Structure formats: C-alpha cells, structure tokens
Amino acid sequence: MTVLEITDVRVELFNGKGGLVEGCIQNIDRAALDFVALENPKLVLPQSTQWHVFSAFGTLKGGRADWLVEKCTELGASSLTPLLTERSFAISENRVDRLQRVILAAAKQSQRLHEMKLNPPMKIDGLLPLVAKSKQCFTATAEATPLIHALTSVRDESSGDSGLIIVGPEGDFTAKEMRMILEAGATAVGLGPHRLRVETATIALLATVMLWSDSQQMVSP
C-alpha cells in the first residue's frame, strides 16, 4: 500500500452544524488519512441574519434547480423550501437527495460552517401561518413596488435580522394563491421591468435582502 507522508499541512474540518476544529494532515493512503487536531473543537453560532427561502422550483429542468440551491447556499440562506403550487406541484425524492449533495458541496466551497437546511416540500396552506408570524416577508410579483423602495421604507431595524422570501413558479402564482399570501401579511415587491425565471428571481431577491440585512447590522448601535 502506498502511503504519502505529509508534514504541517494545516486544515480545518467542519460538520455543517457550526462545529470547527483546526489540525494537520500527517499521512494519506488510498483508504484514509491521518488527521491530528491542534486545538479543541469549537462551536460557532449561526449568523444573526436568518432569511428563509420558499421557491416553487420543483419542476425546473436542465440543472436549473441545482443552480438555485447552490447559490442560495453560497449567499447564506438559512433554509430553502420547495413550494408546491397549482403550477409547480411536485418534486421527486431522487432530486431531493441530489440537492442535499449540492448543498454540501456549496457549503464547502463557500466555507460556510452551517449548512443550509433543505425542508420538505410545502403547500401554500402550510406557508400562510409562517407568513403571518414573520417580521418581514417579501414575495416577488410583476408591477409591484420595487424591492429597494420596500426595503428603504422599513423603519424597524430588527426587521433586517430575519424574514421570508417567496418566489412563485413559472407562470407565477394564480390570482387566488397571490391573494392568500398577501392577505397573510406578505409584501409584494418588484424586481425590475423584465420577466425573470424562477431561479433568477429567487437569487436576485435573496442577494438583495442579504446585503440589506448586512448593512442594517453595520449601522445598528
């Protein structure tokens, strides 16, 4: 068996739940490697910004769902929930398994200590109570108040700490679904004059609210 001797190669290991330990790799062979911890493991708390994404991406094809999940992980979403609607009504178990692997790879690449949680699919009826309890909730829809305007109108700085973002399927929510979401307390926001795909709208909305949340924290006393 070939053994590669390595000295003083520092690495950090994480478990996806905030656990972190620094150490070094001593030897590597085809079956395993020897890792020596240089300090006691430590637990890093999750970031204070907690945005939860609900996106009707279950029927996306051609790797578009993978891309959406990967970028949500990199941007720091706390969780992602496939939203089941009249126009996006299913997501296969095989795809869920694949998306879990995408999340792990993206967490490693972005050096994210806490993996984004992929929740089971949820119907609109299950979403509504969460909307009602949320400090801040934005749902993308055409011809609504621009997102930037909606954010600048928020006076309560604590509202920047957490919230929900909701993006409908290709073809958008039905009129009934949108009415239910808005009546539960969501704020309709626009993302510009062009029609965006589900994955583009999701990432545009998430990236904007994450940057806004970060700026809110920087100016807080």
C-alpha atoms as a PDB file:
ATOM      1  CA  MET A   1       0.000   0.000   0.000  1.00  0.00           C
ATOM      2  CA  THR A   2       1.330   3.409  -0.947  1.00  0.00           C
ATOM      3  CA  VAL A   3       1.486   5.930   1.886  1.00  0.00           C
ATOM      4  CA  LEU A   4       2.158   9.577   1.233  1.00  0.00           C
ATOM      5  CA  GLU A   5       3.929  11.357   4.057  1.00  0.00           C
ATOM      6  CA  ILE A   6       2.835  14.932   4.582  1.00  0.00           C
ATOM      7  CA  THR A   7       4.050  17.327   7.239  1.00  0.00           C
ATOM      8  CA  ASP A   8       2.493  20.532   8.540  1.00  0.00           C
ATOM      9  CA  VAL A   9      -0.467  20.711   6.168  1.00  0.00           C
ATOM     10  CA  ARG A  10      -2.993  22.761   8.130  1.00  0.00           C
ATOM     11  CA  VAL A  11      -6.679  22.161   7.507  1.00  0.00           C
ATOM     12  CA  GLU A  12      -9.977  22.989   9.177  1.00  0.00           C
ATOM     13  CA  LEU A  13     -12.733  20.424   9.499  1.00  0.00           C
ATOM     14  CA  PHE A  14     -16.401  21.296   9.977  1.00  0.00           C
ATOM     15  CA  ASN A  15     -19.557  19.282  10.474  1.00  0.00           C
ATOM     16  CA  GLY A  16     -22.097  21.606   8.844  1.00  0.00           C
ATOM     17  CA  LYS A  17     -23.641  22.444  12.220  1.00  0.00           C
ATOM     18  CA  GLY A  18     -21.122  25.019  13.438  1.00  0.00           C
ATOM     19  CA  GLY A  19     -18.520  22.585  14.744  1.00  0.00           C
ATOM     20  CA  LEU A  20     -14.970  23.542  13.729  1.00  0.00           C
ATOM     21  CA  VAL A  21     -11.552  22.105  14.526  1.00  0.00           C
ATOM     22  CA  GLU A  22      -8.113  23.036  13.207  1.00  0.00           C
ATOM     23  CA  GLY A  23      -5.435  20.427  12.717  1.00  0.00           C
ATOM     24  CA  CYS A  24      -2.939  18.960  10.302  1.00  0.00           C
ATOM     25  CA  ILE A  25      -2.785  16.015   7.939  1.00  0.00           C
ATOM     26  CA  GLN A  26       0.091  13.631   8.624  1.00  0.00           C
ATOM     27  CA  ASN A  27      -0.322  10.702   6.240  1.00  0.00           C
ATOM     28  CA  ILE A  28      -2.587   9.800   3.334  1.00  0.00           C
ATOM     29  CA  ASP A  29      -3.166   6.422   1.706  1.00  0.00           C
ATOM     30  CA  ARG A  30      -5.806   5.114  -0.671  1.00  0.00           C
ATOM     31  CA  ALA A  31      -8.246   4.298   2.114  1.00  0.00           C
ATOM     32  CA  ALA A  32      -7.877   7.074   4.669  1.00  0.00           C
ATOM     33  CA  LEU A  33      -5.802   9.892   6.068  1.00  0.00           C
ATOM     34  CA  ASP A  34      -4.415  10.668   9.498  1.00  0.00           C
ATOM     35  CA  PHE A  35      -5.631  13.947  10.981  1.00  0.00           C
ATOM     36  CA  VAL A  36      -4.250  15.372  14.212  1.00  0.00           C
ATOM     37  CA  ALA A  37      -6.260  18.088  15.980  1.00  0.00           C
ATOM     38  CA  LEU A  38      -4.179  21.041  17.120  1.00  0.00           C
ATOM     39  CA  GLU A  39      -6.861  22.510  19.362  1.00  0.00           C
ATOM     40  CA  ASN A  40     -10.119  21.548  20.993  1.00  0.00           C
ATOM     41  CA  PRO A  41     -13.179  21.633  18.720  1.00  0.00           C
ATOM     42  CA  LYS A  42     -15.192  24.842  18.935  1.00  0.00           C
ATOM     43  CA  LEU A  43     -18.791  25.677  18.164  1.00  0.00           C
ATOM     44  CA  VAL A  44     -19.508  28.740  16.027  1.00  0.00           C
ATOM     45  CA  LEU A  45     -23.011  30.151  16.408  1.00  0.00           C
ATOM     46  CA  PRO A  46     -25.120  30.784  13.325  1.00  0.00           C
ATOM     47  CA  GLN A  47     -25.058  34.263  11.859  1.00  0.00           C
ATOM     48  CA  SER A  48     -27.714  36.579  13.213  1.00  0.00           C
ATOM     49  CA  THR A  49     -29.207  37.158   9.757  1.00  0.00           C
ATOM     50  CA  GLN A  50     -31.828  34.477   9.124  1.00  0.00           C
ATOM     51  CA  TRP A  51     -33.607  34.566   5.772  1.00  0.00           C
ATOM     52  CA  HIS A  52     -35.724  31.618   4.730  1.00  0.00           C
ATOM     53  CA  VAL A  53     -36.469  30.996   1.065  1.00  0.00           C
ATOM     54  CA  PHE A  54     -39.681  29.483  -0.308  1.00  0.00           C
ATOM     55  CA  SER A  55     -39.387  28.933  -4.037  1.00  0.00           C
ATOM     56  CA  ALA A  56     -41.524  26.934  -6.463  1.00  0.00           C
ATOM     57  CA  PHE A  57     -38.560  25.323  -8.222  1.00  0.00           C
ATOM     58  CA  GLY A  58     -39.624  21.669  -8.115  1.00  0.00           C
ATOM     59  CA  THR A  59     -40.376  21.404 -11.834  1.00  0.00           C
ATOM     60  CA  LEU A  60     -37.287  23.246 -13.102  1.00  0.00           C
ATOM     61  CA  LYS A  61     -35.232  21.244 -15.602  1.00  0.00           C
ATOM     62  CA  GLY A  62     -31.742  21.152 -17.046  1.00  0.00           C
ATOM     63  CA  GLY A  63     -29.794  21.751 -13.871  1.00  0.00           C
ATOM     64  CA  ARG A  64     -31.603  24.989 -13.053  1.00  0.00           C
ATOM     65  CA  ALA A  65     -32.786  23.696  -9.670  1.00  0.00           C
ATOM     66  CA  ASP A  66     -29.235  22.646  -8.788  1.00  0.00           C
ATOM     67  CA  TRP A  67     -28.008  26.140  -9.621  1.00  0.00           C
ATOM     68  CA  LEU A  68     -30.709  27.759  -7.493  1.00  0.00           C
ATOM     69  CA  VAL A  69     -29.889  25.562  -4.490  1.00  0.00           C
ATOM     70  CA  GLU A  70     -26.152  26.096  -4.897  1.00  0.00           C
ATOM     71  CA  LYS A  71     -26.450  29.893  -4.976  1.00  0.00           C
ATOM     72  CA  CYS A  72     -28.905  30.022  -2.062  1.00  0.00           C
ATOM     73  CA  THR A  73     -26.329  28.097  -0.042  1.00  0.00           C
ATOM     74  CA  GLU A  74     -23.476  30.392  -1.055  1.00  0.00           C
ATOM     75  CA  LEU A  75     -25.457  33.554  -0.323  1.00  0.00           C
ATOM     76  CA  GLY A  76     -26.281  32.419   3.201  1.00  0.00           C
ATOM     77  CA  ALA A  77     -29.957  31.483   3.175  1.00  0.00           C
ATOM     78  CA  SER A  78     -30.870  29.745   6.421  1.00  0.00           C
ATOM     79  CA  SER A  79     -33.272  27.354   4.739  1.00  0.00           C
ATOM     80  CA  LEU A  80     -34.818  26.569   1.390  1.00  0.00           C
ATOM     81  CA  THR A  81     -38.275  25.069   0.978  1.00  0.00           C
ATOM     82  CA  PRO A  82     -39.652  23.770  -2.333  1.00  0.00           C
ATOM     83  CA  LEU A  83     -43.034  25.418  -2.650  1.00  0.00           C
ATOM     84  CA  LEU A  84     -45.828  23.346  -4.154  1.00  0.00           C
ATOM     85  CA  THR A  85     -48.372  25.356  -6.116  1.00  0.00           C
ATOM     86  CA  GLU A  86     -51.000  24.770  -8.752  1.00  0.00           C
ATOM     87  CA  ARG A  87     -48.300  25.304 -11.405  1.00  0.00           C
ATOM     88  CA  SER A  88     -45.433  23.577  -9.607  1.00  0.00           C
ATOM     89  CA  PHE A  89     -46.997  20.634  -7.864  1.00  0.00           C
ATOM     90  CA  ALA A  90     -44.263  18.046  -7.271  1.00  0.00           C
ATOM     91  CA  ILE A  91     -40.578  17.347  -6.627  1.00  0.00           C
ATOM     92  CA  SER A  92     -39.114  13.850  -6.804  1.00  0.00           C
ATOM     93  CA  GLU A  93     -37.343  12.152  -3.909  1.00  0.00           C
ATOM     94  CA  ASN A  94     -34.367  11.418  -6.158  1.00  0.00           C
ATOM     95  CA  ARG A  95     -33.995  15.101  -6.841  1.00  0.00           C
ATOM     96  CA  VAL A  96     -34.119  15.922  -3.112  1.00  0.00           C
ATOM     97  CA  ASP A  97     -31.210  13.530  -2.487  1.00  0.00           C
ATOM     98  CA  ARG A  98     -29.217  15.185  -5.240  1.00  0.00           C
ATOM     99  CA  LEU A  99     -29.931  18.659  -3.904  1.00  0.00           C
ATOM    100  CA  GLN A 100     -28.619  17.646  -0.479  1.00  0.00           C
ATOM    101  CA  ARG A 101     -25.310  16.795  -2.125  1.00  0.00           C
ATOM    102  CA  VAL A 102     -25.326  20.134  -3.936  1.00  0.00           C
ATOM    103  CA  ILE A 103     -25.797  21.926  -0.608  1.00  0.00           C
ATOM    104  CA  LEU A 104     -22.860  20.094   0.984  1.00  0.00           C
ATOM    105  CA  ALA A 105     -20.543  20.886  -1.932  1.00  0.00           C
ATOM    106  CA  ALA A 106     -21.594  24.556  -1.968  1.00  0.00           C
ATOM    107  CA  ALA A 107     -21.128  24.859   1.795  1.00  0.00           C
ATOM    108  CA  LYS A 108     -17.573  23.551   1.457  1.00  0.00           C
ATOM    109  CA  GLN A 109     -16.780  25.834  -1.466  1.00  0.00           C
ATOM    110  CA  SER A 110     -18.096  28.946   0.272  1.00  0.00           C
ATOM    111  CA  GLN A 111     -16.541  27.977   3.649  1.00  0.00           C
ATOM    112  CA  ARG A 112     -19.954  28.031   5.248  1.00  0.00           C
ATOM    113  CA  LEU A 113     -19.925  26.443   8.711  1.00  0.00           C
ATOM    114  CA  HIS A 114     -23.684  25.905   8.887  1.00  0.00           C
ATOM    115  CA  GLU A 115     -25.277  24.030   6.020  1.00  0.00           C
ATOM    116  CA  MET A 116     -28.437  25.490   4.574  1.00  0.00           C
ATOM    117  CA  LYS A 117     -31.421  23.366   5.578  1.00  0.00           C
ATOM    118  CA  LEU A 118     -33.474  21.879   2.758  1.00  0.00           C
ATOM    119  CA  ASN A 119     -37.001  21.496   4.099  1.00  0.00           C
ATOM    120  CA  PRO A 120     -39.634  19.057   2.834  1.00  0.00           C
ATOM    121  CA  PRO A 121     -41.906  20.445   0.115  1.00  0.00           C
ATOM    122  CA  MET A 122     -44.685  22.684   1.394  1.00  0.00           C
ATOM    123  CA  LYS A 123     -48.059  23.702   0.026  1.00  0.00           C
ATOM    124  CA  ILE A 124     -49.413  27.238   0.147  1.00  0.00           C
ATOM    125  CA  ASP A 125     -51.688  26.371   3.066  1.00  0.00           C
ATOM    126  CA  GLY A 126     -48.659  25.445   5.172  1.00  0.00           C
ATOM    127  CA  LEU A 127     -46.840  28.632   4.214  1.00  0.00           C
ATOM    128  CA  LEU A 128     -49.545  31.068   5.275  1.00  0.00           C
ATOM    129  CA  PRO A 129     -49.106  30.705   9.086  1.00  0.00           C
ATOM    130  CA  LEU A 130     -45.361  31.306   8.670  1.00  0.00           C
ATOM    131  CA  VAL A 131     -46.043  34.462   6.701  1.00  0.00           C
ATOM    132  CA  ALA A 132     -48.402  35.706   9.402  1.00  0.00           C
ATOM    133  CA  LYS A 133     -45.749  35.227  12.116  1.00  0.00           C
ATOM    134  CA  SER A 134     -42.805  36.649  10.171  1.00  0.00           C
ATOM    135  CA  LYS A 135     -41.306  40.055  10.942  1.00  0.00           C
ATOM    136  CA  GLN A 136     -40.674  40.663   7.282  1.00  0.00           C
ATOM    137  CA  CYS A 137     -41.870  38.767   4.222  1.00  0.00           C
ATOM    138  CA  PHE A 138     -41.374  39.625   0.571  1.00  0.00           C
ATOM    139  CA  THR A 139     -42.947  37.930  -2.426  1.00  0.00           C
ATOM    140  CA  ALA A 140     -41.865  38.711  -5.955  1.00  0.00           C
ATOM    141  CA  THR A 141     -44.555  39.731  -8.391  1.00  0.00           C
ATOM    142  CA  ALA A 142     -44.752  41.811 -11.548  1.00  0.00           C
ATOM    143  CA  GLU A 143     -45.638  45.501 -11.402  1.00  0.00           C
ATOM    144  CA  ALA A 144     -45.271  45.733  -7.620  1.00  0.00           C
ATOM    145  CA  THR A 145     -43.339  48.327  -5.619  1.00  0.00           C
ATOM    146  CA  PRO A 146     -39.609  47.945  -6.419  1.00  0.00           C
ATOM    147  CA  LEU A 147     -37.811  45.870  -3.795  1.00  0.00           C
ATOM    148  CA  ILE A 148     -35.337  48.640  -2.982  1.00  0.00           C
ATOM    149  CA  HIS A 149     -38.190  51.042  -2.215  1.00  0.00           C
ATOM    150  CA  ALA A 150     -39.843  48.468   0.023  1.00  0.00           C
ATOM    151  CA  LEU A 151     -36.609  47.933   1.946  1.00  0.00           C
ATOM    152  CA  THR A 152     -35.900  51.622   2.477  1.00  0.00           C
ATOM    153  CA  SER A 153     -39.392  52.087   3.879  1.00  0.00           C
ATOM    154  CA  VAL A 154     -38.703  49.617   6.694  1.00  0.00           C
ATOM    155  CA  ARG A 155     -38.195  51.602   9.904  1.00  0.00           C
ATOM    156  CA  ASP A 156     -37.672  48.836  12.431  1.00  0.00           C
ATOM    157  CA  GLU A 157     -34.001  47.838  12.266  1.00  0.00           C
ATOM    158  CA  SER A 158     -34.760  44.459  13.840  1.00  0.00           C
ATOM    159  CA  SER A 159     -36.768  43.614  10.733  1.00  0.00           C
ATOM    160  CA  GLY A 160     -33.499  43.257   8.851  1.00  0.00           C
ATOM    161  CA  ASP A 161     -32.426  40.332  11.012  1.00  0.00           C
ATOM    162  CA  SER A 162     -34.776  37.732   9.597  1.00  0.00           C
ATOM    163  CA  GLY A 163     -37.659  37.085   7.295  1.00  0.00           C
ATOM    164  CA  LEU A 164     -39.103  35.111   4.420  1.00  0.00           C
ATOM    165  CA  ILE A 165     -38.776  35.477   0.685  1.00  0.00           C
ATOM    166  CA  ILE A 166     -41.311  33.805  -1.592  1.00  0.00           C
ATOM    167  CA  VAL A 167     -40.998  33.193  -5.320  1.00  0.00           C
ATOM    168  CA  GLY A 168     -43.687  31.557  -7.427  1.00  0.00           C
ATOM    169  CA  PRO A 169     -43.411  29.047 -10.271  1.00  0.00           C
ATOM    170  CA  GLU A 170     -43.016  29.563 -13.986  1.00  0.00           C
ATOM    171  CA  GLY A 171     -46.260  31.242 -14.946  1.00  0.00           C
ATOM    172  CA  ASP A 172     -46.397  32.860 -11.481  1.00  0.00           C
ATOM    173  CA  PHE A 173     -48.846  32.181  -8.685  1.00  0.00           C
ATOM    174  CA  THR A 174     -52.508  32.004  -9.535  1.00  0.00           C
ATOM    175  CA  ALA A 175     -54.555  35.054  -8.555  1.00  0.00           C
ATOM    176  CA  LYS A 176     -56.029  33.078  -5.659  1.00  0.00           C
ATOM    177  CA  GLU A 177     -52.615  31.989  -4.361  1.00  0.00           C
ATOM    178  CA  MET A 178     -51.216  35.504  -4.518  1.00  0.00           C
ATOM    179  CA  ARG A 179     -54.251  36.909  -2.731  1.00  0.00           C
ATOM    180  CA  MET A 180     -53.845  34.373   0.076  1.00  0.00           C
ATOM    181  CA  ILE A 181     -50.148  35.174   0.503  1.00  0.00           C
ATOM    182  CA  LEU A 182     -50.726  38.922   0.591  1.00  0.00           C
ATOM    183  CA  GLU A 183     -53.672  38.641   2.976  1.00  0.00           C
ATOM    184  CA  ALA A 184     -51.443  36.625   5.335  1.00  0.00           C
ATOM    185  CA  GLY A 185     -49.101  39.628   5.563  1.00  0.00           C
ATOM    186  CA  ALA A 186     -46.527  39.371   2.778  1.00  0.00           C
ATOM    187  CA  THR A 187     -45.294  42.445   0.924  1.00  0.00           C
ATOM    188  CA  ALA A 188     -45.383  42.260  -2.866  1.00  0.00           C
ATOM    189  CA  VAL A 189     -42.141  43.541  -4.429  1.00  0.00           C
ATOM    190  CA  GLY A 190     -40.955  44.037  -7.982  1.00  0.00           C
ATOM    191  CA  LEU A 191     -37.569  43.005  -9.360  1.00  0.00           C
ATOM    192  CA  GLY A 192     -37.397  45.229 -12.395  1.00  0.00           C
ATOM    193  CA  PRO A 193     -39.169  45.608 -15.722  1.00  0.00           C
ATOM    194  CA  HIS A 194     -38.169  42.245 -17.206  1.00  0.00           C
ATOM    195  CA  ARG A 195     -39.725  38.829 -16.726  1.00  0.00           C
ATOM    196  CA  LEU A 196     -37.330  36.669 -14.704  1.00  0.00           C
ATOM    197  CA  ARG A 197     -37.052  32.922 -14.449  1.00  0.00           C
ATOM    198  CA  VAL A 198     -37.762  31.298 -11.098  1.00  0.00           C
ATOM    199  CA  GLU A 199     -34.108  30.769 -10.241  1.00  0.00           C
ATOM    200  CA  THR A 200     -33.101  34.278 -11.335  1.00  0.00           C
ATOM    201  CA  ALA A 201     -35.865  35.925  -9.308  1.00  0.00           C
ATOM    202  CA  THR A 202     -35.031  33.831  -6.248  1.00  0.00           C
ATOM    203  CA  ILE A 203     -31.343  34.726  -6.289  1.00  0.00           C
ATOM    204  CA  ALA A 204     -31.957  38.407  -7.101  1.00  0.00           C
ATOM    205  CA  LEU A 205     -34.364  38.717  -4.175  1.00  0.00           C
ATOM    206  CA  LEU A 206     -32.177  36.766  -1.758  1.00  0.00           C
ATOM    207  CA  ALA A 207     -28.964  38.588  -2.657  1.00  0.00           C
ATOM    208  CA  THR A 208     -30.628  41.971  -2.201  1.00  0.00           C
ATOM    209  CA  VAL A 209     -32.182  41.244   1.189  1.00  0.00           C
ATOM    210  CA  MET A 210     -28.971  39.627   2.463  1.00  0.00           C
ATOM    211  CA  LEU A 211     -26.932  42.706   1.528  1.00  0.00           C
ATOM    212  CA  TRP A 212     -29.590  44.917   3.059  1.00  0.00           C
ATOM    213  CA  SER A 213     -29.565  42.869   6.270  1.00  0.00           C
ATOM    214  CA  ASP A 214     -25.780  43.170   6.478  1.00  0.00           C
ATOM    215  CA  SER A 215     -25.981  46.950   6.066  1.00  0.00           C
ATOM    216  CA  GLN A 216     -28.662  47.167   8.763  1.00  0.00           C
ATOM    217  CA  GLN A 217     -26.408  45.351  11.198  1.00  0.00           C
ATOM    218  CA  MET A 218     -23.448  47.607  10.417  1.00  0.00           C
ATOM    219  CA  VAL A 219     -25.379  50.767  11.276  1.00  0.00           C
ATOM    220  CA  SER A 220     -27.017  49.323  14.394  1.00  0.00           C
ATOM    221  CA  PRO A 221     -25.572  50.647  17.690  1.00  0.00           C
END
